[in-house]
Amino acid sequence: MWNFHNNTPIYLQIVDEIKMQIISGNWKPGEKIASVREIAQEAGVNPNTVQRALSELERHELLFAQRTNGRFVTEDAEMIKNIRREVATQKMKETLEALLQMGYTPKELEEIVSVYLEDRESA
């Protein structure tokens, strides 16, 4: 789960990983998440780094804190759905732009996607 790379601050990579856990449904709305210490230990990073990531997620209201009970995933299913779509759109845009720069035409890309989805369904 925690494979960090050098081109992005670690706390932002933690933000992205937690966001992916939420939008993929691995962490359910209203679910309590692990403590700062537990996440830091699992990720092999300083607890301050995790705290910074969780604070960022709280600022964007994907997580909320209950003073004595810990942190929880937002219960706002519509927000999660919207963020999921934003992430998907951004990933598609990056991929499609790279392929267009390689010289693929929109028609070729439609065919590639169609074949991929058909193969995936039949697997």
PDB file of N, CA and C in Angstrom:
ATOM      1  N   MET A   1       0.822  -1.201   0.000  1.00  0.00           N
ATOM      2  CA  MET A   1       0.000   0.000   0.000  1.00  0.00           C
ATOM      3  C   MET A   1       0.863   1.261   0.000  1.00  0.00           C
ATOM      4  N   TRP A   2       1.962   1.266   0.697  1.00  0.00           N
ATOM      5  CA  TRP A   2       2.756   2.481   0.836  1.00  0.00           C
ATOM      6  C   TRP A   2       4.052   2.375   0.036  1.00  0.00           C
ATOM      7  N   ASN A   3       4.025   2.797  -1.202  1.00  0.00           N
ATOM      8  CA  ASN A   3       5.217   2.849  -2.053  1.00  0.00           C
ATOM      9  C   ASN A   3       5.447   4.299  -2.439  1.00  0.00           C
ATOM     10  N   PHE A   4       6.320   4.963  -1.708  1.00  0.00           N
ATOM     11  CA  PHE A   4       6.539   6.387  -1.928  1.00  0.00           C
ATOM     12  C   PHE A   4       7.562   6.616  -3.034  1.00  0.00           C
ATOM     13  N   HIS A   5       7.396   7.730  -3.745  1.00  0.00           N
ATOM     14  CA  HIS A   5       8.355   8.138  -4.759  1.00  0.00           C
ATOM     15  C   HIS A   5       8.848   9.536  -4.429  1.00  0.00           C
ATOM     16  N   ASN A   6       9.912   9.944  -5.064  1.00  0.00           N
ATOM     17  CA  ASN A   6      10.600  11.178  -4.688  1.00  0.00           C
ATOM     18  C   ASN A   6      10.036  12.463  -5.273  1.00  0.00           C
ATOM     19  N   ASN A   7       9.175  12.383  -6.286  1.00  0.00           N
ATOM     20  CA  ASN A   7       8.765  13.603  -6.967  1.00  0.00           C
ATOM     21  C   ASN A   7       7.563  14.315  -6.352  1.00  0.00           C
ATOM     22  N   THR A   8       7.005  13.780  -5.268  1.00  0.00           N
ATOM     23  CA  THR A   8       5.863  14.391  -4.586  1.00  0.00           C
ATOM     24  C   THR A   8       6.086  14.275  -3.079  1.00  0.00           C
ATOM     25  N   PRO A   9       5.770  15.323  -2.312  1.00  0.00           N
ATOM     26  CA  PRO A   9       5.918  15.217  -0.850  1.00  0.00           C
ATOM     27  C   PRO A   9       5.159  14.000  -0.300  1.00  0.00           C
ATOM     28  N   ILE A  10       5.745  13.345   0.680  1.00  0.00           N
ATOM     29  CA  ILE A  10       5.163  12.117   1.234  1.00  0.00           C
ATOM     30  C   ILE A  10       3.763  12.368   1.786  1.00  0.00           C
ATOM     31  N   TYR A  11       3.550  13.507   2.454  1.00  0.00           N
ATOM     32  CA  TYR A  11       2.225  13.734   3.029  1.00  0.00           C
ATOM     33  C   TYR A  11       1.154  13.782   1.935  1.00  0.00           C
ATOM     34  N   LEU A  12       1.500  14.326   0.754  1.00  0.00           N
ATOM     35  CA  LEU A  12       0.531  14.365  -0.346  1.00  0.00           C
ATOM     36  C   LEU A  12       0.294  12.965  -0.914  1.00  0.00           C
ATOM     37  N   GLN A  13       1.317  12.131  -0.893  1.00  0.00           N
ATOM     38  CA  GLN A  13       1.142  10.751  -1.337  1.00  0.00           C
ATOM     39  C   GLN A  13       0.237   9.990  -0.372  1.00  0.00           C
ATOM     40  N   ILE A  14       0.355  10.295   0.914  1.00  0.00           N
ATOM     41  CA  ILE A  14      -0.531   9.690   1.914  1.00  0.00           C
ATOM     42  C   ILE A  14      -1.957  10.183   1.695  1.00  0.00           C
ATOM     43  N   VAL A  15      -2.129  11.474   1.440  1.00  0.00           N
ATOM     44  CA  VAL A  15      -3.453  12.028   1.125  1.00  0.00           C
ATOM     45  C   VAL A  15      -4.059  11.266  -0.042  1.00  0.00           C
ATOM     46  N   ASP A  16      -3.275  11.100  -1.122  1.00  0.00           N
ATOM     47  CA  ASP A  16      -3.783  10.412  -2.309  1.00  0.00           C
ATOM     48  C   ASP A  16      -4.149   8.963  -2.015  1.00  0.00           C
ATOM     49  N   GLU A  17      -3.333   8.275  -1.241  1.00  0.00           N
ATOM     50  CA  GLU A  17      -3.602   6.867  -0.931  1.00  0.00           C
ATOM     51  C   GLU A  17      -4.876   6.729  -0.099  1.00  0.00           C
ATOM     52  N   ILE A  18      -5.039   7.577   0.891  1.00  0.00           N
ATOM     53  CA  ILE A  18      -6.249   7.521   1.721  1.00  0.00           C
ATOM     54  C   ILE A  18      -7.471   7.889   0.876  1.00  0.00           C
ATOM     55  N   LYS A  19      -7.325   8.891   0.030  1.00  0.00           N
ATOM     56  CA  LYS A  19      -8.417   9.276  -0.859  1.00  0.00           C
ATOM     57  C   LYS A  19      -8.823   8.082  -1.735  1.00  0.00           C
ATOM     58  N   MET A  20      -7.831   7.349  -2.258  1.00  0.00           N
ATOM     59  CA  MET A  20      -8.124   6.185  -3.096  1.00  0.00           C
ATOM     60  C   MET A  20      -8.843   5.097  -2.291  1.00  0.00           C
ATOM     61  N   GLN A  21      -8.452   4.905  -1.042  1.00  0.00           N
ATOM     62  CA  GLN A  21      -9.120   3.917  -0.198  1.00  0.00           C
ATOM     63  C   GLN A  21     -10.590   4.278   0.001  1.00  0.00           C
ATOM     64  N   ILE A  22     -10.863   5.572   0.114  1.00  0.00           N
ATOM     65  CA  ILE A  22     -12.236   6.041   0.326  1.00  0.00           C
ATOM     66  C   ILE A  22     -13.050   5.925  -0.959  1.00  0.00           C
ATOM     67  N   ILE A  23     -12.527   6.456  -2.074  1.00  0.00           N
ATOM     68  CA  ILE A  23     -13.331   6.481  -3.301  1.00  0.00           C
ATOM     69  C   ILE A  23     -13.473   5.106  -3.938  1.00  0.00           C
ATOM     70  N   SER A  24     -12.575   4.188  -3.600  1.00  0.00           N
ATOM     71  CA  SER A  24     -12.696   2.828  -4.137  1.00  0.00           C
ATOM     72  C   SER A  24     -13.633   1.971  -3.286  1.00  0.00           C
ATOM     73  N   GLY A  25     -14.061   2.519  -2.148  1.00  0.00           N
ATOM     74  CA  GLY A  25     -14.987   1.789  -1.288  1.00  0.00           C
ATOM     75  C   GLY A  25     -14.315   0.883  -0.279  1.00  0.00           C
ATOM     76  N   ASN A  26     -12.991   0.884  -0.234  1.00  0.00           N
ATOM     77  CA  ASN A  26     -12.294   0.067   0.769  1.00  0.00           C
ATOM     78  C   ASN A  26     -12.521   0.611   2.175  1.00  0.00           C
ATOM     79  N   TRP A  27     -12.650   1.925   2.276  1.00  0.00           N
ATOM     80  CA  TRP A  27     -13.009   2.568   3.539  1.00  0.00           C
ATOM     81  C   TRP A  27     -14.404   3.148   3.344  1.00  0.00           C
ATOM     82  N   LYS A  28     -15.340   2.694   4.114  1.00  0.00           N
ATOM     83  CA  LYS A  28     -16.750   3.049   3.952  1.00  0.00           C
ATOM     84  C   LYS A  28     -17.089   4.383   4.620  1.00  0.00           C
ATOM     85  N   PRO A  29     -18.135   5.058   4.116  1.00  0.00           N
ATOM     86  CA  PRO A  29     -18.601   6.287   4.770  1.00  0.00           C
ATOM     87  C   PRO A  29     -18.908   6.019   6.244  1.00  0.00           C
ATOM     88  N   GLY A  30     -18.418   6.914   7.096  1.00  0.00           N
ATOM     89  CA  GLY A  30     -18.646   6.784   8.533  1.00  0.00           C
ATOM     90  C   GLY A  30     -17.702   5.840   9.242  1.00  0.00           C
ATOM     91  N   GLU A  31     -16.847   5.139   8.502  1.00  0.00           N
ATOM     92  CA  GLU A  31     -15.929   4.164   9.105  1.00  0.00           C
ATOM     93  C   GLU A  31     -14.797   4.870   9.840  1.00  0.00           C
ATOM     94  N   LYS A  32     -14.446   4.341  10.994  1.00  0.00           N
ATOM     95  CA  LYS A  32     -13.324   4.871  11.760  1.00  0.00           C
ATOM     96  C   LYS A  32     -12.030   4.414  11.095  1.00  0.00           C
ATOM     97  N   ILE A  33     -11.072   5.337  10.989  1.00  0.00           N
ATOM     98  CA  ILE A  33      -9.790   4.971  10.394  1.00  0.00           C
ATOM     99  C   ILE A  33      -8.766   4.732  11.511  1.00  0.00           C
ATOM    100  N   ALA A  34      -7.646   4.154  11.137  1.00  0.00           N
ATOM    101  CA  ALA A  34      -6.573   3.880  12.088  1.00  0.00           C
ATOM    102  C   ALA A  34      -6.048   5.191  12.671  1.00  0.00           C
ATOM    103  N   SER A  35      -5.368   5.086  13.799  1.00  0.00           N
ATOM    104  CA  SER A  35      -4.803   6.268  14.446  1.00  0.00           C
ATOM    105  C   SER A  35      -3.589   6.771  13.673  1.00  0.00           C
ATOM    106  N   VAL A  36      -3.186   7.985  13.986  1.00  0.00           N
ATOM    107  CA  VAL A  36      -1.999   8.572  13.367  1.00  0.00           C
ATOM    108  C   VAL A  36      -0.804   7.648  13.564  1.00  0.00           C
ATOM    109  N   ARG A  37      -0.612   7.177  14.781  1.00  0.00           N
ATOM    110  CA  ARG A  37       0.517   6.295  15.080  1.00  0.00           C
ATOM    111  C   ARG A  37       0.466   5.005  14.274  1.00  0.00           C
ATOM    112  N   GLU A  38      -0.712   4.418  14.188  1.00  0.00           N
ATOM    113  CA  GLU A  38      -0.849   3.165  13.438  1.00  0.00           C
ATOM    114  C   GLU A  38      -0.538   3.375  11.953  1.00  0.00           C
ATOM    115  N   ILE A  39      -1.062   4.434  11.383  1.00  0.00           N
ATOM    116  CA  ILE A  39      -0.805   4.711   9.969  1.00  0.00           C
ATOM    117  C   ILE A  39       0.682   5.000   9.759  1.00  0.00           C
ATOM    118  N   ALA A  40       1.272   5.807  10.654  1.00  0.00           N
ATOM    119  CA  ALA A  40       2.697   6.142  10.537  1.00  0.00           C
ATOM    120  C   ALA A  40       3.566   4.895  10.606  1.00  0.00           C
ATOM    121  N   GLN A  41       3.220   4.008  11.526  1.00  0.00           N
ATOM    122  CA  GLN A  41       3.997   2.773  11.668  1.00  0.00           C
ATOM    123  C   GLN A  41       3.854   1.906  10.414  1.00  0.00           C
ATOM    124  N   GLU A  42       2.640   1.751   9.924  1.00  0.00           N
ATOM    125  CA  GLU A  42       2.399   0.945   8.727  1.00  0.00           C
ATOM    126  C   GLU A  42       3.114   1.528   7.511  1.00  0.00           C
ATOM    127  N   ALA A  43       3.089   2.866   7.398  1.00  0.00           N
ATOM    128  CA  ALA A  43       3.690   3.534   6.238  1.00  0.00           C
ATOM    129  C   ALA A  43       5.196   3.730   6.393  1.00  0.00           C
ATOM    130  N   GLY A  44       5.694   3.600   7.619  1.00  0.00           N
ATOM    131  CA  GLY A  44       7.117   3.803   7.859  1.00  0.00           C
ATOM    132  C   GLY A  44       7.526   5.261   7.769  1.00  0.00           C
ATOM    133  N   VAL A  45       6.648   6.146   8.249  1.00  0.00           N
ATOM    134  CA  VAL A  45       6.929   7.582   8.206  1.00  0.00           C
ATOM    135  C   VAL A  45       6.721   8.192   9.586  1.00  0.00           C
ATOM    136  N   ASN A  46       7.142   9.429   9.727  1.00  0.00           N
ATOM    137  CA  ASN A  46       6.983  10.172  10.960  1.00  0.00           C
ATOM    138  C   ASN A  46       5.495  10.466  11.205  1.00  0.00           C
ATOM    139  N   PRO A  47       5.027  10.326  12.454  1.00  0.00           N
ATOM    140  CA  PRO A  47       3.621  10.640  12.748  1.00  0.00           C
ATOM    141  C   PRO A  47       3.222  12.064  12.352  1.00  0.00           C
ATOM    142  N   ASN A  48       4.151  13.015  12.398  1.00  0.00           N
ATOM    143  CA  ASN A  48       3.834  14.390  11.988  1.00  0.00           C
ATOM    144  C   ASN A  48       3.454  14.451  10.514  1.00  0.00           C
ATOM    145  N   THR A  49       4.072  13.609   9.707  1.00  0.00           N
ATOM    146  CA  THR A  49       3.760  13.551   8.277  1.00  0.00           C
ATOM    147  C   THR A  49       2.327  13.055   8.082  1.00  0.00           C
ATOM    148  N   VAL A  50       1.966  12.019   8.828  1.00  0.00           N
ATOM    149  CA  VAL A  50       0.609  11.480   8.754  1.00  0.00           C
ATOM    150  C   VAL A  50      -0.389  12.513   9.266  1.00  0.00           C
ATOM    151  N   GLN A  51      -0.061  13.166  10.361  1.00  0.00           N
ATOM    152  CA  GLN A  51      -0.952  14.193  10.919  1.00  0.00           C
ATOM    153  C   GLN A  51      -1.224  15.283   9.888  1.00  0.00           C
ATOM    154  N   ARG A  52      -0.188  15.681   9.162  1.00  0.00           N
ATOM    155  CA  ARG A  52      -0.346  16.712   8.131  1.00  0.00           C
ATOM    156  C   ARG A  52      -1.284  16.230   7.023  1.00  0.00           C
ATOM    157  N   ALA A  53      -1.138  14.975   6.625  1.00  0.00           N
ATOM    158  CA  ALA A  53      -1.998  14.406   5.580  1.00  0.00           C
ATOM    159  C   ALA A  53      -3.446  14.342   6.056  1.00  0.00           C
ATOM    160  N   LEU A  54      -3.645  13.868   7.275  1.00  0.00           N
ATOM    161  CA  LEU A  54      -5.010  13.746   7.792  1.00  0.00           C
ATOM    162  C   LEU A  54      -5.658  15.114   7.973  1.00  0.00           C
ATOM    163  N   SER A  55      -4.876  16.093   8.385  1.00  0.00           N
ATOM    164  CA  SER A  55      -5.401  17.458   8.518  1.00  0.00           C
ATOM    165  C   SER A  55      -5.847  17.992   7.162  1.00  0.00           C
ATOM    166  N   GLU A  56      -5.078  17.681   6.126  1.00  0.00           N
ATOM    167  CA  GLU A  56      -5.442  18.093   4.761  1.00  0.00           C
ATOM    168  C   GLU A  56      -6.765  17.448   4.348  1.00  0.00           C
ATOM    169  N   LEU A  57      -6.927  16.178   4.650  1.00  0.00           N
ATOM    170  CA  LEU A  57      -8.167  15.463   4.315  1.00  0.00           C
ATOM    171  C   LEU A  57      -9.351  16.002   5.118  1.00  0.00           C
ATOM    172  N   GLU A  58      -9.102  16.409   6.351  1.00  0.00           N
ATOM    173  CA  GLU A  58     -10.155  17.036   7.154  1.00  0.00           C
ATOM    174  C   GLU A  58     -10.533  18.391   6.569  1.00  0.00           C
ATOM    175  N   ARG A  59      -9.526  19.134   6.128  1.00  0.00           N
ATOM    176  CA  ARG A  59      -9.775  20.441   5.532  1.00  0.00           C
ATOM    177  C   ARG A  59     -10.677  20.322   4.307  1.00  0.00           C
ATOM    178  N   HIS A  60     -10.518  19.224   3.573  1.00  0.00           N
ATOM    179  CA  HIS A  60     -11.357  18.976   2.391  1.00  0.00           C
ATOM    180  C   HIS A  60     -12.624  18.192   2.738  1.00  0.00           C
ATOM    181  N   GLU A  61     -12.809  17.936   4.034  1.00  0.00           N
ATOM    182  CA  GLU A  61     -14.003  17.293   4.594  1.00  0.00           C
ATOM    183  C   GLU A  61     -14.203  15.848   4.155  1.00  0.00           C
ATOM    184  N   LEU A  62     -13.126  15.178   3.740  1.00  0.00           N
ATOM    185  CA  LEU A  62     -13.214  13.740   3.447  1.00  0.00           C
ATOM    186  C   LEU A  62     -13.129  12.933   4.735  1.00  0.00           C
ATOM    187  N   LEU A  63     -12.478  13.510   5.737  1.00  0.00           N
ATOM    188  CA  LEU A  63     -12.410  12.916   7.068  1.00  0.00           C
ATOM    189  C   LEU A  63     -12.949  13.926   8.060  1.00  0.00           C
ATOM    190  N   PHE A  64     -13.436  13.417   9.178  1.00  0.00           N
ATOM    191  CA  PHE A  64     -13.807  14.306  10.277  1.00  0.00           C
ATOM    192  C   PHE A  64     -13.351  13.673  11.577  1.00  0.00           C
ATOM    193  N   ALA A  65     -13.053  14.523  12.543  1.00  0.00           N
ATOM    194  CA  ALA A  65     -12.556  14.050  13.835  1.00  0.00           C
ATOM    195  C   ALA A  65     -13.643  14.174  14.885  1.00  0.00           C
ATOM    196  N   GLN A  66     -13.679  13.190  15.747  1.00  0.00           N
ATOM    197  CA  GLN A  66     -14.500  13.263  16.959  1.00  0.00           C
ATOM    198  C   GLN A  66     -13.509  13.273  18.113  1.00  0.00           C
ATOM    199  N   ARG A  67     -13.553  14.299  18.886  1.00  0.00           N
ATOM    200  CA  ARG A  67     -12.546  14.579  19.894  1.00  0.00           C
ATOM    201  C   ARG A  67     -11.955  13.365  20.599  1.00  0.00           C
ATOM    202  N   THR A  68     -12.758  12.523  21.142  1.00  0.00           N
ATOM    203  CA  THR A  68     -12.221  11.398  21.923  1.00  0.00           C
ATOM    204  C   THR A  68     -12.301  10.059  21.192  1.00  0.00           C
ATOM    205  N   ASN A  69     -12.925  10.039  20.038  1.00  0.00           N
ATOM    206  CA  ASN A  69     -13.131   8.769  19.341  1.00  0.00           C
ATOM    207  C   ASN A  69     -12.244   8.534  18.128  1.00  0.00           C
ATOM    208  N   GLY A  70     -11.532   9.553  17.654  1.00  0.00           N
ATOM    209  CA  GLY A  70     -10.670   9.386  16.495  1.00  0.00           C
ATOM    210  C   GLY A  70     -11.218  10.051  15.254  1.00  0.00           C
ATOM    211  N   ARG A  71     -10.732   9.561  14.120  1.00  0.00           N
ATOM    212  CA  ARG A  71     -11.136  10.138  12.827  1.00  0.00           C
ATOM    213  C   ARG A  71     -11.986   9.142  12.058  1.00  0.00           C
ATOM    214  N   PHE A  72     -12.889   9.715  11.255  1.00  0.00           N
ATOM    215  CA  PHE A  72     -13.836   8.911  10.498  1.00  0.00           C
ATOM    216  C   PHE A  72     -13.926   9.415   9.064  1.00  0.00           C
ATOM    217  N   VAL A  73     -14.294   8.514   8.168  1.00  0.00           N
ATOM    218  CA  VAL A  73     -14.554   8.869   6.776  1.00  0.00           C
ATOM    219  C   VAL A  73     -15.865   9.645   6.730  1.00  0.00           C
ATOM    220  N   THR A  74     -15.925  10.655   5.887  1.00  0.00           N
ATOM    221  CA  THR A  74     -17.156  11.428   5.734  1.00  0.00           C
ATOM    222  C   THR A  74     -18.340  10.503   5.445  1.00  0.00           C
ATOM    223  N   GLU A  75     -19.499  10.912   5.864  1.00  0.00           N
ATOM    224  CA  GLU A  75     -20.721  10.162   5.558  1.00  0.00           C
ATOM    225  C   GLU A  75     -21.415  10.726   4.317  1.00  0.00           C
ATOM    226  N   ASP A  76     -20.806  11.737   3.709  1.00  0.00           N
ATOM    227  CA  ASP A  76     -21.371  12.404   2.538  1.00  0.00           C
ATOM    228  C   ASP A  76     -21.064  11.590   1.277  1.00  0.00           C
ATOM    229  N   ALA A  77     -21.973  10.683   0.936  1.00  0.00           N
ATOM    230  CA  ALA A  77     -21.783   9.788  -0.211  1.00  0.00           C
ATOM    231  C   ALA A  77     -21.700  10.566  -1.522  1.00  0.00           C
ATOM    232  N   GLU A  78     -22.416  11.664  -1.618  1.00  0.00           N
ATOM    233  CA  GLU A  78     -22.376  12.476  -2.842  1.00  0.00           C
ATOM    234  C   GLU A  78     -20.991  13.095  -3.033  1.00  0.00           C
ATOM    235  N   MET A  79     -20.385  13.558  -1.954  1.00  0.00           N
ATOM    236  CA  MET A  79     -19.039  14.112  -2.028  1.00  0.00           C
ATOM    237  C   MET A  79     -18.047  13.047  -2.492  1.00  0.00           C
ATOM    238  N   ILE A  80     -18.154  11.861  -1.929  1.00  0.00           N
ATOM    239  CA  ILE A  80     -17.266  10.770  -2.316  1.00  0.00           C
ATOM    240  C   ILE A  80     -17.445  10.450  -3.795  1.00  0.00           C
ATOM    241  N   LYS A  81     -18.691  10.405  -4.236  1.00  0.00           N
ATOM    242  CA  LYS A  81     -18.991  10.135  -5.648  1.00  0.00           C
ATOM    243  C   LYS A  81     -18.371  11.202  -6.553  1.00  0.00           C
ATOM    244  N   ASN A  82     -18.489  12.464  -6.167  1.00  0.00           N
ATOM    245  CA  ASN A  82     -17.935  13.560  -6.961  1.00  0.00           C
ATOM    246  C   ASN A  82     -16.411  13.509  -7.016  1.00  0.00           C
ATOM    247  N   ILE A  83     -15.786  13.217  -5.896  1.00  0.00           N
ATOM    248  CA  ILE A  83     -14.323  13.120  -5.868  1.00  0.00           C
ATOM    249  C   ILE A  83     -13.868  11.928  -6.698  1.00  0.00           C
ATOM    250  N   ARG A  84     -14.609  10.849  -6.629  1.00  0.00           N
ATOM    251  CA  ARG A  84     -14.284   9.655  -7.426  1.00  0.00           C
ATOM    252  C   ARG A  84     -14.294   9.999  -8.916  1.00  0.00           C
ATOM    253  N   ARG A  85     -15.313  10.736  -9.332  1.00  0.00           N
ATOM    254  CA  ARG A  85     -15.414  11.142 -10.741  1.00  0.00           C
ATOM    255  C   ARG A  85     -14.273  12.096 -11.113  1.00  0.00           C
ATOM    256  N   GLU A  86     -13.944  13.039 -10.231  1.00  0.00           N
ATOM    257  CA  GLU A  86     -12.838  13.966 -10.495  1.00  0.00           C
ATOM    258  C   GLU A  86     -11.518  13.216 -10.673  1.00  0.00           C
ATOM    259  N   VAL A  87     -11.262  12.256  -9.802  1.00  0.00           N
ATOM    260  CA  VAL A  87     -10.022  11.477  -9.886  1.00  0.00           C
ATOM    261  C   VAL A  87     -10.003  10.673 -11.184  1.00  0.00           C
ATOM    262  N   ALA A  88     -11.119  10.037 -11.515  1.00  0.00           N
ATOM    263  CA  ALA A  88     -11.195   9.252 -12.752  1.00  0.00           C
ATOM    264  C   ALA A  88     -10.979  10.139 -13.969  1.00  0.00           C
ATOM    265  N   THR A  89     -11.607  11.300 -13.971  1.00  0.00           N
ATOM    266  CA  THR A  89     -11.465  12.229 -15.093  1.00  0.00           C
ATOM    267  C   THR A  89     -10.012  12.674 -15.241  1.00  0.00           C
ATOM    268  N   GLN A  90      -9.370  12.988 -14.128  1.00  0.00           N
ATOM    269  CA  GLN A  90      -7.975  13.433 -14.171  1.00  0.00           C
ATOM    270  C   GLN A  90      -7.054  12.329 -14.692  1.00  0.00           C
ATOM    271  N   LYS A  91      -7.247  11.097 -14.221  1.00  0.00           N
ATOM    272  CA  LYS A  91      -6.417   9.973 -14.675  1.00  0.00           C
ATOM    273  C   LYS A  91      -6.642   9.696 -16.161  1.00  0.00           C
ATOM    274  N   MET A  92      -7.894   9.754 -16.596  1.00  0.00           N
ATOM    275  CA  MET A  92      -8.196   9.546 -18.014  1.00  0.00           C
ATOM    276  C   MET A  92      -7.566  10.647 -18.858  1.00  0.00           C
ATOM    277  N   LYS A  93      -7.679  11.874 -18.392  1.00  0.00           N
ATOM    278  CA  LYS A  93      -7.125  13.002 -19.132  1.00  0.00           C
ATOM    279  C   LYS A  93      -5.616  12.832 -19.307  1.00  0.00           C
ATOM    280  N   GLU A  94      -4.919  12.488 -18.225  1.00  0.00           N
ATOM    281  CA  GLU A  94      -3.465  12.298 -18.290  1.00  0.00           C
ATOM    282  C   GLU A  94      -3.103  11.191 -19.278  1.00  0.00           C
ATOM    283  N   THR A  95      -3.807  10.075 -19.193  1.00  0.00           N
ATOM    284  CA  THR A  95      -3.521   8.940 -20.065  1.00  0.00           C
ATOM    285  C   THR A  95      -3.832   9.262 -21.516  1.00  0.00           C
ATOM    286  N   LEU A  96      -5.007   9.829 -21.757  1.00  0.00           N
ATOM    287  CA  LEU A  96      -5.398  10.144 -23.129  1.00  0.00           C
ATOM    288  C   LEU A  96      -4.488  11.196 -23.754  1.00  0.00           C
ATOM    289  N   GLU A  97      -4.096  12.198 -22.992  1.00  0.00           N
ATOM    290  CA  GLU A  97      -3.184  13.219 -23.512  1.00  0.00           C
ATOM    291  C   GLU A  97      -1.847  12.598 -23.914  1.00  0.00           C
ATOM    292  N   ALA A  98      -1.340  11.687 -23.081  1.00  0.00           N
ATOM    293  CA  ALA A  98      -0.077  11.021 -23.405  1.00  0.00           C
ATOM    294  C   ALA A  98      -0.205  10.198 -24.683  1.00  0.00           C
ATOM    295  N   LEU A  99      -1.320   9.492 -24.831  1.00  0.00           N
ATOM    296  CA  LEU A  99      -1.520   8.675 -26.028  1.00  0.00           C
ATOM    297  C   LEU A  99      -1.730   9.540 -27.273  1.00  0.00           C
ATOM    298  N   LEU A 100      -2.433  10.646 -27.135  1.00  0.00           N
ATOM    299  CA  LEU A 100      -2.600  11.568 -28.265  1.00  0.00           C
ATOM    300  C   LEU A 100      -1.247  12.144 -28.693  1.00  0.00           C
ATOM    301  N   GLN A 101      -0.393  12.431 -27.722  1.00  0.00           N
ATOM    302  CA  GLN A 101       0.943  12.930 -28.045  1.00  0.00           C
ATOM    303  C   GLN A 101       1.786  11.866 -28.743  1.00  0.00           C
ATOM    304  N   MET A 102       1.468  10.588 -28.510  1.00  0.00           N
ATOM    305  CA  MET A 102       2.164   9.495 -29.190  1.00  0.00           C
ATOM    306  C   MET A 102       1.673   9.334 -30.629  1.00  0.00           C
ATOM    307  N   GLY A 103       0.615  10.062 -30.982  1.00  0.00           N
ATOM    308  CA  GLY A 103       0.131  10.026 -32.343  1.00  0.00           C
ATOM    309  C   GLY A 103      -1.151   9.247 -32.560  1.00  0.00           C
ATOM    310  N   TYR A 104      -1.721   8.704 -31.501  1.00  0.00           N
ATOM    311  CA  TYR A 104      -3.002   8.007 -31.649  1.00  0.00           C
ATOM    312  C   TYR A 104      -4.096   9.007 -31.986  1.00  0.00           C
ATOM    313  N   THR A 105      -5.051   8.557 -32.780  1.00  0.00           N
ATOM    314  CA  THR A 105      -6.211   9.384 -33.101  1.00  0.00           C
ATOM    315  C   THR A 105      -7.319   9.058 -32.092  1.00  0.00           C
ATOM    316  N   PRO A 106      -8.271   9.954 -31.932  1.00  0.00           N
ATOM    317  CA  PRO A 106      -9.399   9.646 -31.047  1.00  0.00           C
ATOM    318  C   PRO A 106     -10.093   8.333 -31.439  1.00  0.00           C
ATOM    319  N   LYS A 107     -10.241   8.089 -32.726  1.00  0.00           N
ATOM    320  CA  LYS A 107     -10.887   6.849 -33.194  1.00  0.00           C
ATOM    321  C   LYS A 107     -10.076   5.627 -32.757  1.00  0.00           C
ATOM    322  N   GLU A 108      -8.767   5.685 -32.872  1.00  0.00           N
ATOM    323  CA  GLU A 108      -7.917   4.570 -32.436  1.00  0.00           C
ATOM    324  C   GLU A 108      -8.036   4.345 -30.926  1.00  0.00           C
ATOM    325  N   LEU A 109      -8.113   5.423 -30.183  1.00  0.00           N
ATOM    326  CA  LEU A 109      -8.239   5.309 -28.732  1.00  0.00           C
ATOM    327  C   LEU A 109      -9.581   4.687 -28.346  1.00  0.00           C
ATOM    328  N   GLU A 110     -10.644   5.065 -29.046  1.00  0.00           N
ATOM    329  CA  GLU A 110     -11.953   4.449 -28.795  1.00  0.00           C
ATOM    330  C   GLU A 110     -11.877   2.949 -29.020  1.00  0.00           C
ATOM    331  N   GLU A 111     -11.205   2.541 -30.088  1.00  0.00           N
ATOM    332  CA  GLU A 111     -11.077   1.121 -30.411  1.00  0.00           C
ATOM    333  C   GLU A 111     -10.264   0.393 -29.342  1.00  0.00           C
ATOM    334  N   ILE A 112      -9.175   0.987 -28.903  1.00  0.00           N
ATOM    335  CA  ILE A 112      -8.334   0.370 -27.871  1.00  0.00           C
ATOM    336  C   ILE A 112      -9.129   0.175 -26.587  1.00  0.00           C
ATOM    337  N   VAL A 113      -9.856   1.215 -26.189  1.00  0.00           N
ATOM    338  CA  VAL A 113     -10.654   1.128 -24.958  1.00  0.00           C
ATOM    339  C   VAL A 113     -11.749   0.083 -25.106  1.00  0.00           C
ATOM    340  N   SER A 114     -12.411   0.069 -26.233  1.00  0.00           N
ATOM    341  CA  SER A 114     -13.485  -0.892 -26.477  1.00  0.00           C
ATOM    342  C   SER A 114     -12.968  -2.328 -26.406  1.00  0.00           C
ATOM    343  N   VAL A 115     -11.866  -2.598 -27.068  1.00  0.00           N
ATOM    344  CA  VAL A 115     -11.279  -3.951 -27.056  1.00  0.00           C
ATOM    345  C   VAL A 115     -10.860  -4.329 -25.645  1.00  0.00           C
ATOM    346  N   TYR A 116     -10.243  -3.392 -24.943  1.00  0.00           N
ATOM    347  CA  TYR A 116      -9.810  -3.664 -23.567  1.00  0.00           C
ATOM    348  C   TYR A 116     -10.994  -4.043 -22.678  1.00  0.00           C
ATOM    349  N   LEU A 117     -12.066  -3.267 -22.763  1.00  0.00           N
ATOM    350  CA  LEU A 117     -13.244  -3.539 -21.926  1.00  0.00           C
ATOM    351  C   LEU A 117     -13.908  -4.856 -22.300  1.00  0.00           C
ATOM    352  N   GLU A 118     -13.974  -5.170 -23.590  1.00  0.00           N
ATOM    353  CA  GLU A 118     -14.523  -6.455 -24.022  1.00  0.00           C
ATOM    354  C   GLU A 118     -13.687  -7.602 -23.488  1.00  0.00           C
ATOM    355  N   ASP A 119     -12.367  -7.498 -23.606  1.00  0.00           N
ATOM    356  CA  ASP A 119     -11.463  -8.548 -23.107  1.00  0.00           C
ATOM    357  C   ASP A 119     -11.604  -8.710 -21.591  1.00  0.00           C
ATOM    358  N   ARG A 120     -11.768  -7.604 -20.916  1.00  0.00           N
ATOM    359  CA  ARG A 120     -11.888  -7.643 -19.448  1.00  0.00           C
ATOM    360  C   ARG A 120     -13.193  -8.331 -19.035  1.00  0.00           C
ATOM    361  N   GLU A 121     -14.266  -8.048 -19.758  1.00  0.00           N
ATOM    362  CA  GLU A 121     -15.562  -8.673 -19.467  1.00  0.00           C
ATOM    363  C   GLU A 121     -15.537 -10.179 -19.693  1.00  0.00           C
ATOM    364  N   SER A 122     -14.804 -10.605 -20.714  1.00  0.00           N
ATOM    365  CA  SER A 122     -14.794 -12.033 -21.050  1.00  0.00           C
ATOM    366  C   SER A 122     -13.785 -12.818 -20.203  1.00  0.00           C
ATOM    367  N   ALA A 123     -12.934 -12.118 -19.470  1.00  0.00           N
ATOM    368  CA  ALA A 123     -11.920 -12.813 -18.665  1.00  0.00           C
ATOM    369  C   ALA A 123     -12.487 -13.382 -17.377  1.00  0.00           C
TER     370      ALA A 123
END
